[in-house]
C-alpha atoms as a PDB file:
ATOM      1  CA  MET A   1     -28.436   5.603  12.583  1.00  0.00           C
ATOM      2  CA  ASP A   2     -25.872   3.356  10.948  1.00  0.00           C
ATOM      3  CA  VAL A   3     -22.755   5.580  11.148  1.00  0.00           C
ATOM      4  CA  LEU A   4     -20.790   3.501   8.593  1.00  0.00           C
ATOM      5  CA  SER A   5     -23.449   3.577   5.935  1.00  0.00           C
ATOM      6  CA  SER A   6     -24.313   7.223   6.298  1.00  0.00           C
ATOM      7  CA  THR A   7     -20.729   8.391   6.394  1.00  0.00           C
ATOM      8  CA  PRO A   8     -18.265   6.902   3.921  1.00  0.00           C
ATOM      9  CA  ILE A   9     -15.159   5.482   5.606  1.00  0.00           C
ATOM     10  CA  GLU A  10     -12.090   6.086   3.452  1.00  0.00           C
ATOM     11  CA  ASN A  11      -9.970   3.198   4.798  1.00  0.00           C
ATOM     12  CA  GLY A  12     -10.720  -0.400   4.173  1.00  0.00           C
ATOM     13  CA  VAL A  13      -9.929  -1.740   7.594  1.00  0.00           C
ATOM     14  CA  LEU A  14     -11.912   0.967   9.379  1.00  0.00           C
ATOM     15  CA  SER A  15     -14.884   0.421   7.014  1.00  0.00           C
ATOM     16  CA  ALA A  16     -14.951  -3.257   7.933  1.00  0.00           C
ATOM     17  CA  LEU A  17     -15.660  -2.381  11.577  1.00  0.00           C
ATOM     18  CA  SER A  18     -19.095  -2.477  13.118  1.00  0.00           C
ATOM     19  CA  PRO A  19     -20.625   0.916  13.960  1.00  0.00           C
ATOM     20  CA  SER A  20     -20.187   0.417  17.698  1.00  0.00           C
ATOM     21  CA  VAL A  21     -16.440  -0.403  17.383  1.00  0.00           C
ATOM     22  CA  TYR A  22     -15.857   2.420  15.044  1.00  0.00           C
ATOM     23  CA  GLU A  23     -17.514   4.881  17.433  1.00  0.00           C
ATOM     24  CA  HIS A  24     -15.315   3.602  20.181  1.00  0.00           C
ATOM     25  CA  LEU A  25     -12.223   4.158  18.024  1.00  0.00           C
ATOM     26  CA  LYS A  26     -13.190   7.397  16.323  1.00  0.00           C
ATOM     27  CA  PRO A  27     -12.390   9.912  19.105  1.00  0.00           C
ATOM     28  CA  ARG A  28      -8.850   8.651  19.258  1.00  0.00           C
ATOM     29  CA  LEU A  29      -8.233   9.069  15.541  1.00  0.00           C
ATOM     30  CA  LYS A  30      -6.440  12.187  14.178  1.00  0.00           C
ATOM     31  CA  ARG A  31      -6.374  13.071  10.584  1.00  0.00           C
ATOM     32  CA  VAL A  32      -2.716  13.713   9.417  1.00  0.00           C
ATOM     33  CA  ARG A  33      -1.081  14.690   6.202  1.00  0.00           C
ATOM     34  CA  LEU A  34       1.486  12.272   4.674  1.00  0.00           C
ATOM     35  CA  GLU A  35       4.166  13.937   2.632  1.00  0.00           C
ATOM     36  CA  ALA A  36       6.038  12.055  -0.037  1.00  0.00           C
ATOM     37  CA  GLY A  37       9.501  10.947   1.103  1.00  0.00           C
ATOM     38  CA  GLY A  38       8.516  11.233   4.791  1.00  0.00           C
ATOM     39  CA  THR A  39       9.553   8.313   7.039  1.00  0.00           C
ATOM     40  CA  LEU A  40       6.768   7.031   9.369  1.00  0.00           C
ATOM     41  CA  TYR A  41       9.227   4.881  11.357  1.00  0.00           C
ATOM     42  CA  ASP A  42      12.801   3.764  10.941  1.00  0.00           C
ATOM     43  CA  LEU A  43      14.440   0.461  10.452  1.00  0.00           C
ATOM     44  CA  GLY A  44      14.772  -1.459  13.775  1.00  0.00           C
ATOM     45  CA  SER A  45      12.397   0.785  15.685  1.00  0.00           C
ATOM     46  CA  ALA A  46       8.937   0.074  17.061  1.00  0.00           C
ATOM     47  CA  SER A  47       6.328   2.522  15.868  1.00  0.00           C
ATOM     48  CA  GLU A  48       4.621   4.908  18.414  1.00  0.00           C
ATOM     49  CA  HIS A  49       1.651   5.289  16.058  1.00  0.00           C
ATOM     50  CA  ALA A  50      -0.462   3.397  13.644  1.00  0.00           C
ATOM     51  CA  TRP A  51      -1.790   5.031  10.456  1.00  0.00           C
ATOM     52  CA  PHE A  52      -4.995   3.999   8.739  1.00  0.00           C
ATOM     53  CA  ILE A  53      -4.230   5.237   5.194  1.00  0.00           C
ATOM     54  CA  THR A  54      -7.025   7.122   3.501  1.00  0.00           C
ATOM     55  CA  ARG A  55      -5.140   8.678   0.535  1.00  0.00           C
ATOM     56  CA  GLY A  56      -1.709   8.034  -0.930  1.00  0.00           C
ATOM     57  CA  ILE A  57       0.650   5.106  -0.725  1.00  0.00           C
ATOM     58  CA  VAL A  58       3.221   4.009   2.007  1.00  0.00           C
ATOM     59  CA  SER A  59       6.050   1.744   1.153  1.00  0.00           C
ATOM     60  CA  TYR A  60       7.519  -0.882   3.423  1.00  0.00           C
ATOM     61  CA  ARG A  61      11.243  -1.090   2.623  1.00  0.00           C
ATOM     62  CA  THR A  62      14.207  -3.071   3.620  1.00  0.00           C
ATOM     63  CA  ASN A  63      17.984  -2.666   3.238  1.00  0.00           C
ATOM     64  CA  THR A  64      20.391  -5.241   1.861  1.00  0.00           C
ATOM     65  CA  GLU A  65      23.820  -5.797   3.384  1.00  0.00           C
ATOM     66  CA  ALA A  66      25.233  -3.841   0.431  1.00  0.00           C
ATOM     67  CA  GLY A  67      23.199  -0.803   1.356  1.00  0.00           C
ATOM     68  CA  ASP A  68      20.594  -1.187  -1.471  1.00  0.00           C
ATOM     69  CA  ILE A  69      16.887  -0.329  -0.666  1.00  0.00           C
ATOM     70  CA  ILE A  70      14.000  -2.382  -2.057  1.00  0.00           C
ATOM     71  CA  GLU A  71      10.303  -2.265  -1.528  1.00  0.00           C
ATOM     72  CA  ALA A  72       8.813  -5.314   0.347  1.00  0.00           C
ATOM     73  CA  ALA A  73       5.135  -4.186   0.127  1.00  0.00           C
ATOM     74  CA  ALA A  74       3.021  -1.139  -0.381  1.00  0.00           C
ATOM     75  CA  VAL A  75      -0.038   0.046   1.559  1.00  0.00           C
ATOM     76  CA  GLY A  76      -2.820   2.294   0.364  1.00  0.00           C
ATOM     77  CA  ARG A  77      -6.344   3.050   1.454  1.00  0.00           C
ATOM     78  CA  GLU A  78      -6.956  -0.673   2.052  1.00  0.00           C
ATOM     79  CA  GLY A  79      -4.636  -0.918   5.055  1.00  0.00           C
ATOM     80  CA  VAL A  80      -2.797   0.204   8.102  1.00  0.00           C
ATOM     81  CA  VAL A  81       0.882   0.990   8.826  1.00  0.00           C
ATOM     82  CA  GLY A  82       2.640   0.743  12.237  1.00  0.00           C
ATOM     83  CA  LEU A  83       1.113  -2.333  13.831  1.00  0.00           C
ATOM     84  CA  SER A  84       4.621  -3.430  15.022  1.00  0.00           C
ATOM     85  CA  GLY A  85       4.081  -0.913  17.870  1.00  0.00           C
ATOM     86  CA  ILE A  86       1.389  -3.047  19.556  1.00  0.00           C
ATOM     87  CA  THR A  87       3.540  -6.227  19.713  1.00  0.00           C
ATOM     88  CA  GLU A  88       6.376  -7.234  21.997  1.00  0.00           C
ATOM     89  CA  ASN A  89       8.957  -6.745  19.226  1.00  0.00           C
ATOM     90  CA  SER A  90      11.558  -4.021  19.881  1.00  0.00           C
ATOM     91  CA  GLY A  91      11.838  -3.275  16.244  1.00  0.00           C
ATOM     92  CA  MET A  92      11.246  -4.365  12.626  1.00  0.00           C
ATOM     93  CA  SER A  93      13.350  -5.426   9.768  1.00  0.00           C
ATOM     94  CA  LEU A  94      11.324  -3.141   7.626  1.00  0.00           C
ATOM     95  CA  TRP A  95      10.818   0.646   7.673  1.00  0.00           C
ATOM     96  CA  ALA A  96       7.940   2.685   6.367  1.00  0.00           C
ATOM     97  CA  GLN A  97       8.223   5.663   3.920  1.00  0.00           C
ATOM     98  CA  VAL A  98       5.492   7.696   2.189  1.00  0.00           C
ATOM     99  CA  GLN A  99       5.737   6.983  -1.521  1.00  0.00           C
ATOM    100  CA  ILE A 100       2.819   8.992  -2.745  1.00  0.00           C
ATOM    101  CA  SER A 101       1.519  11.955  -0.741  1.00  0.00           C
ATOM    102  CA  GLY A 102      -1.829  11.567   0.986  1.00  0.00           C
ATOM    103  CA  GLU A 103      -3.580  11.437   4.384  1.00  0.00           C
ATOM    104  CA  ALA A 104      -4.166   8.977   7.133  1.00  0.00           C
ATOM    105  CA  MET A 105      -6.082   8.512  10.382  1.00  0.00           C
ATOM    106  CA  GLN A 106      -3.368   8.279  13.080  1.00  0.00           C
ATOM    107  CA  ILE A 107      -3.680   6.700  16.538  1.00  0.00           C
ATOM    108  CA  GLY A 108      -1.157   6.179  19.310  1.00  0.00           C
ATOM    109  CA  THR A 109      -0.264   2.509  19.500  1.00  0.00           C
ATOM    110  CA  LYS A 110      -0.901   2.450  23.273  1.00  0.00           C
ATOM    111  CA  ALA A 111      -4.440   3.750  22.696  1.00  0.00           C
ATOM    112  CA  LEU A 112      -4.956   1.235  19.951  1.00  0.00           C
ATOM    113  CA  GLU A 113      -3.675  -1.624  22.106  1.00  0.00           C
ATOM    114  CA  ASN A 114      -6.110  -0.596  24.910  1.00  0.00           C
ATOM    115  CA  ILE A 115      -9.011  -0.665  22.447  1.00  0.00           C
ATOM    116  CA  LEU A 116      -7.957  -4.079  21.123  1.00  0.00           C
ATOM    117  CA  GLU A 117      -8.022  -5.524  24.605  1.00  0.00           C
ATOM    118  CA  GLN A 118     -11.727  -4.578  24.735  1.00  0.00           C
ATOM    119  CA  GLU A 119     -12.765  -5.245  21.137  1.00  0.00           C
ATOM    120  CA  ARG A 120     -11.709  -8.704  20.182  1.00  0.00           C
ATOM    121  CA  VAL A 121     -13.469  -8.609  16.867  1.00  0.00           C
ATOM    122  CA  PHE A 122     -11.257  -5.629  15.964  1.00  0.00           C
ATOM    123  CA  LEU A 123      -8.278  -7.616  16.977  1.00  0.00           C
ATOM    124  CA  ARG A 124      -9.213 -10.520  14.737  1.00  0.00           C
ATOM    125  CA  LEU A 125      -9.751  -8.091  11.840  1.00  0.00           C
ATOM    126  CA  LEU A 126      -6.208  -6.772  12.269  1.00  0.00           C
ATOM    127  CA  PHE A 127      -4.850 -10.362  12.359  1.00  0.00           C
ATOM    128  CA  GLU A 128      -6.676 -10.988   9.019  1.00  0.00           C
ATOM    129  CA  TYR A 129      -5.122  -7.724   7.547  1.00  0.00           C
ATOM    130  CA  ILE A 130      -1.588  -8.761   8.780  1.00  0.00           C
ATOM    131  CA  HIS A 131      -2.015 -12.125   7.029  1.00  0.00           C
ATOM    132  CA  THR A 132      -2.944 -10.218   3.890  1.00  0.00           C
ATOM    133  CA  LEU A 133       0.065  -7.988   4.214  1.00  0.00           C
ATOM    134  CA  ASN A 134       2.337 -11.026   4.678  1.00  0.00           C
ATOM    135  CA  GLU A 135       0.862 -12.539   1.484  1.00  0.00           C
ATOM    136  CA  GLN A 136       1.711  -9.314  -0.388  1.00  0.00           C
ATOM    137  CA  ILE A 137       5.254  -9.308   0.996  1.00  0.00           C
ATOM    138  CA  ALA A 138       5.759 -12.926  -0.245  1.00  0.00           C
ATOM    139  CA  LEU A 139       4.252 -12.251  -3.650  1.00  0.00           C
ATOM    140  CA  THR A 140       6.350  -9.098  -4.058  1.00  0.00           C
ATOM    141  CA  PHE A 141       9.559 -10.996  -3.229  1.00  0.00           C
ATOM    142  CA  LEU A 142       8.662 -13.760  -5.782  1.00  0.00           C
ATOM    143  CA  CYS A 143       7.742 -11.137  -8.460  1.00  0.00           C
ATOM    144  CA  ASN A 144      11.115  -9.283  -7.942  1.00  0.00           C
ATOM    145  CA  GLN A 145      13.008 -12.614  -8.156  1.00  0.00           C
ATOM    146  CA  TYR A 146      11.331 -14.091 -11.261  1.00  0.00           C
ATOM    147  CA  HIS A 147       9.627 -11.500 -13.384  1.00  0.00           C
ATOM    148  CA  THR A 148      10.992  -8.882 -15.698  1.00  0.00           C
ATOM    149  CA  PRO A 149      11.310  -5.122 -14.763  1.00  0.00           C
ATOM    150  CA  VAL A 150       8.567  -4.403 -17.366  1.00  0.00           C
ATOM    151  CA  GLN A 151       6.124  -6.842 -15.672  1.00  0.00           C
ATOM    152  CA  ARG A 152       7.043  -5.597 -12.194  1.00  0.00           C
ATOM    153  CA  MET A 153       6.575  -1.988 -13.175  1.00  0.00           C
ATOM    154  CA  ALA A 154       3.176  -2.725 -14.756  1.00  0.00           C
ATOM    155  CA  ARG A 155       2.213  -4.503 -11.515  1.00  0.00           C
ATOM    156  CA  TRP A 156       3.143  -1.645  -9.336  1.00  0.00           C
ATOM    157  CA  LEU A 157       1.414   0.980 -11.558  1.00  0.00           C
ATOM    158  CA  LEU A 158      -1.819  -1.049 -11.699  1.00  0.00           C
ATOM    159  CA  LEU A 159      -1.853  -1.529  -7.888  1.00  0.00           C
ATOM    160  CA  ALA A 160      -1.074   2.168  -7.401  1.00  0.00           C
ATOM    161  CA  GLN A 161      -4.053   3.092  -9.645  1.00  0.00           C
ATOM    162  CA  ASP A 162      -6.292   0.743  -7.616  1.00  0.00           C
ATOM    163  CA  ARG A 163      -5.166   2.358  -4.443  1.00  0.00           C
ATOM    164  CA  ILE A 164      -5.389   6.011  -5.381  1.00  0.00           C
ATOM    165  CA  SER A 165      -8.140   5.775  -7.932  1.00  0.00           C
ATOM    166  CA  ALA A 166      -6.164   7.955 -10.339  1.00  0.00           C
ATOM    167  CA  ASP A 167      -4.290   7.362 -13.572  1.00  0.00           C
ATOM    168  CA  LYS A 168      -1.574   9.989 -12.872  1.00  0.00           C
ATOM    169  CA  ILE A 169       1.161   8.808 -10.478  1.00  0.00           C
ATOM    170  CA  VAL A 170       4.096  10.885  -9.217  1.00  0.00           C
ATOM    171  CA  LEU A 171       7.037   8.525  -9.408  1.00  0.00           C
ATOM    172  CA  THR A 172      10.722   9.563 -10.106  1.00  0.00           C
ATOM    173  CA  HIS A 173      13.573   7.351 -11.313  1.00  0.00           C
ATOM    174  CA  ASP A 174      15.008   7.328  -7.781  1.00  0.00           C
ATOM    175  CA  ASN A 175      11.630   6.143  -6.402  1.00  0.00           C
ATOM    176  CA  MET A 176      11.536   3.267  -9.002  1.00  0.00           C
ATOM    177  CA  THR A 177      15.033   2.094  -8.319  1.00  0.00           C
ATOM    178  CA  GLN A 178      14.093   1.641  -4.656  1.00  0.00           C
ATOM    179  CA  ILE A 179      10.787   0.054  -5.439  1.00  0.00           C
ATOM    180  CA  PHE A 180      12.189  -2.527  -7.784  1.00  0.00           C
ATOM    181  CA  GLY A 181      15.753  -2.785  -6.586  1.00  0.00           C
ATOM    182  CA  ILE A 182      17.188  -2.198 -10.090  1.00  0.00           C
ATOM    183  CA  SER A 183      19.494   0.353 -11.709  1.00  0.00           C
ATOM    184  CA  ARG A 184      18.367   3.635 -13.195  1.00  0.00           C
ATOM    185  CA  SER A 185      19.208   2.348 -16.633  1.00  0.00           C
ATOM    186  CA  ARG A 186      16.933  -0.703 -16.244  1.00  0.00           C
ATOM    187  CA  VAL A 187      14.187   1.550 -14.875  1.00  0.00           C
ATOM    188  CA  SER A 188      14.554   3.716 -18.042  1.00  0.00           C
ATOM    189  CA  GLN A 189      14.394   0.624 -20.289  1.00  0.00           C
ATOM    190  CA  ALA A 190      11.296  -0.740 -18.598  1.00  0.00           C
ATOM    191  CA  ALA A 191       9.453   2.625 -18.718  1.00  0.00           C
ATOM    192  CA  GLY A 192      10.577   3.034 -22.310  1.00  0.00           C
ATOM    193  CA  VAL A 193       9.033  -0.359 -23.319  1.00  0.00           C
ATOM    194  CA  LEU A 194       5.725   0.568 -21.703  1.00  0.00           C
ATOM    195  CA  GLN A 195       5.718   4.048 -23.202  1.00  0.00           C
ATOM    196  CA  LYS A 196       6.684   2.745 -26.691  1.00  0.00           C
ATOM    197  CA  ASN A 197       3.695   0.437 -26.554  1.00  0.00           C
ATOM    198  CA  GLY A 198       1.371   3.271 -25.723  1.00  0.00           C
ATOM    199  CA  LEU A 199       0.563   2.009 -22.235  1.00  0.00           C
ATOM    200  CA  ILE A 200       1.935   4.899 -20.287  1.00  0.00           C
ATOM    201  CA  ARG A 201       3.377   8.397 -20.706  1.00  0.00           C
ATOM    202  CA  TYR A 202       6.350   9.210 -18.451  1.00  0.00           C
ATOM    203  CA  GLN A 203       7.718  12.728 -18.177  1.00  0.00           C
ATOM    204  CA  ARG A 204       9.145  14.919 -15.361  1.00  0.00           C
ATOM    205  CA  GLY A 205       8.606  12.437 -12.641  1.00  0.00           C
ATOM    206  CA  GLN A 206       5.005  11.701 -13.406  1.00  0.00           C
ATOM    207  CA  ILE A 207       3.511   8.571 -15.041  1.00  0.00           C
ATOM    208  CA  LYS A 208       0.100   8.698 -16.737  1.00  0.00           C
ATOM    209  CA  ILE A 209      -1.580   5.386 -17.467  1.00  0.00           C
ATOM    210  CA  LEU A 210      -2.923   5.615 -20.980  1.00  0.00           C
ATOM    211  CA  ASP A 211      -4.147   2.044 -21.467  1.00  0.00           C
ATOM    212  CA  GLN A 212      -5.139   0.157 -18.364  1.00  0.00           C
ATOM    213  CA  ILE A 213      -6.357  -2.940 -20.258  1.00  0.00           C
ATOM    214  CA  GLY A 214      -3.105  -2.987 -22.211  1.00  0.00           C
ATOM    215  CA  LEU A 215      -1.099  -2.729 -19.013  1.00  0.00           C
ATOM    216  CA  GLU A 216      -2.993  -5.713 -17.606  1.00  0.00           C
ATOM    217  CA  TYR A 217      -1.853  -7.743 -20.614  1.00  0.00           C
ATOM    218  CA  ALA A 218       1.758  -6.705 -19.897  1.00  0.00           C
ATOM    219  CA  VAL A 219       1.628  -7.536 -16.215  1.00  0.00           C
ATOM    220  CA  CYS A 220       2.584 -10.889 -14.546  1.00  0.00           C
ATOM    221  CA  GLU A 221       0.150 -13.135 -12.551  1.00  0.00           C
ATOM    222  CA  CYS A 222       1.376 -11.478  -9.305  1.00  0.00           C
ATOM    223  CA  TYR A 223      -1.003  -8.454  -9.949  1.00  0.00           C
ATOM    224  CA  LYS A 224      -4.151 -10.488  -9.749  1.00  0.00           C
ATOM    225  CA  ALA A 225      -2.728 -12.514  -6.903  1.00  0.00           C
ATOM    226  CA  ILE A 226      -2.045  -9.398  -4.773  1.00  0.00           C
ATOM    227  CA  ILE A 227      -5.461  -7.950  -5.794  1.00  0.00           C
ATOM    228  CA  ARG A 228      -7.131 -11.097  -4.457  1.00  0.00           C
ATOM    229  CA  ALA A 229      -5.200 -10.828  -1.195  1.00  0.00           C
ATOM    230  CA  ILE A 230      -5.900  -7.139  -0.563  1.00  0.00           C
ATOM    231  CA  GLY A 231      -9.258  -6.827  -2.482  1.00  0.00           C
ATOM    232  CA  CYS A 232     -11.448  -7.451   0.550  1.00  0.00           C
ATOM    233  CA  PHE A 233      -9.885  -4.486   2.288  1.00  0.00           C
ATOM    234  CA  LEU A 234     -10.149  -1.975  -0.645  1.00  0.00           C
ATOM    235  CA  PRO A 235     -12.975   0.545  -0.107  1.00  0.00           C
ATOM    236  CA  PRO A 236     -15.488   0.857  -2.929  1.00  0.00           C
ATOM    237  CA  LYS A 237     -14.509   2.804  -5.948  1.00  0.00           C
ATOM    238  CA  THR A 238     -15.456   3.401  -9.546  1.00  0.00           C
ATOM    239  CA  VAL A 239     -13.934   0.227 -10.949  1.00  0.00           C
ATOM    240  CA  SER A 240     -14.677  -2.788  -8.777  1.00  0.00           C
ATOM    241  CA  VAL A 241     -11.905  -5.148  -7.645  1.00  0.00           C
ATOM    242  CA  SER A 242     -14.019  -8.092  -8.828  1.00  0.00           C
ATOM    243  CA  ASP A 243     -14.013  -6.730 -12.358  1.00  0.00           C
ATOM    244  CA  LEU A 244     -10.175  -6.572 -12.271  1.00  0.00           C
ATOM    245  CA  VAL A 245      -9.823 -10.036 -10.915  1.00  0.00           C
ATOM    246  CA  ASN A 246     -12.185 -11.629 -13.419  1.00  0.00           C
ATOM    247  CA  ARG A 247     -10.769 -10.018 -16.474  1.00  0.00           C
END
């Protein structure tokens, strides 16, 4: 029996594995809860685990010399967090924090490393995913440098909707100042513009997307560029990634 076709795999990287490789990996996976605000690993430390995200969003963040925090990339059900632990690096310039609560399949990095030594196809797949993640980091940097807070907020909300398949997103002012690296007042202004135009409703730390198509008109080109980068790793959902890219 084809395990992957008979049992839905909730993570994009895991769903791309052959049945035999997935069966090799499966006994070493442990389902864990991810609580919003929780840190998976700290700045400068190598992770002892890797997490294949199945629900929620994890934010890769970095600190400026002035102590400000900004998001470098986000990972949802398409990807995996913690791969620095299987390299020779002693630490990372990024740290990982849960942005939206969810779940993940967790594995010790040593166990993962042992499997990768035997399953070279899996190793190549992770290399492909890391390339995709690096593309997202570069695009996020460009977006934060050159596009308006309104465009950046629209991009993040649309990507979050793609990742969690929901139009209600828990996101406080403090969350958004760290995601976009802007002040609370500029966050309020950007959210106000989107709300005034009937695209979102924002109240009590929760954003509801009211008009997805309208939000896509408000977003910059970075949204479709990131979707193209991560789209091959997004598990199937009600709205197809190809529909979003071709709109």
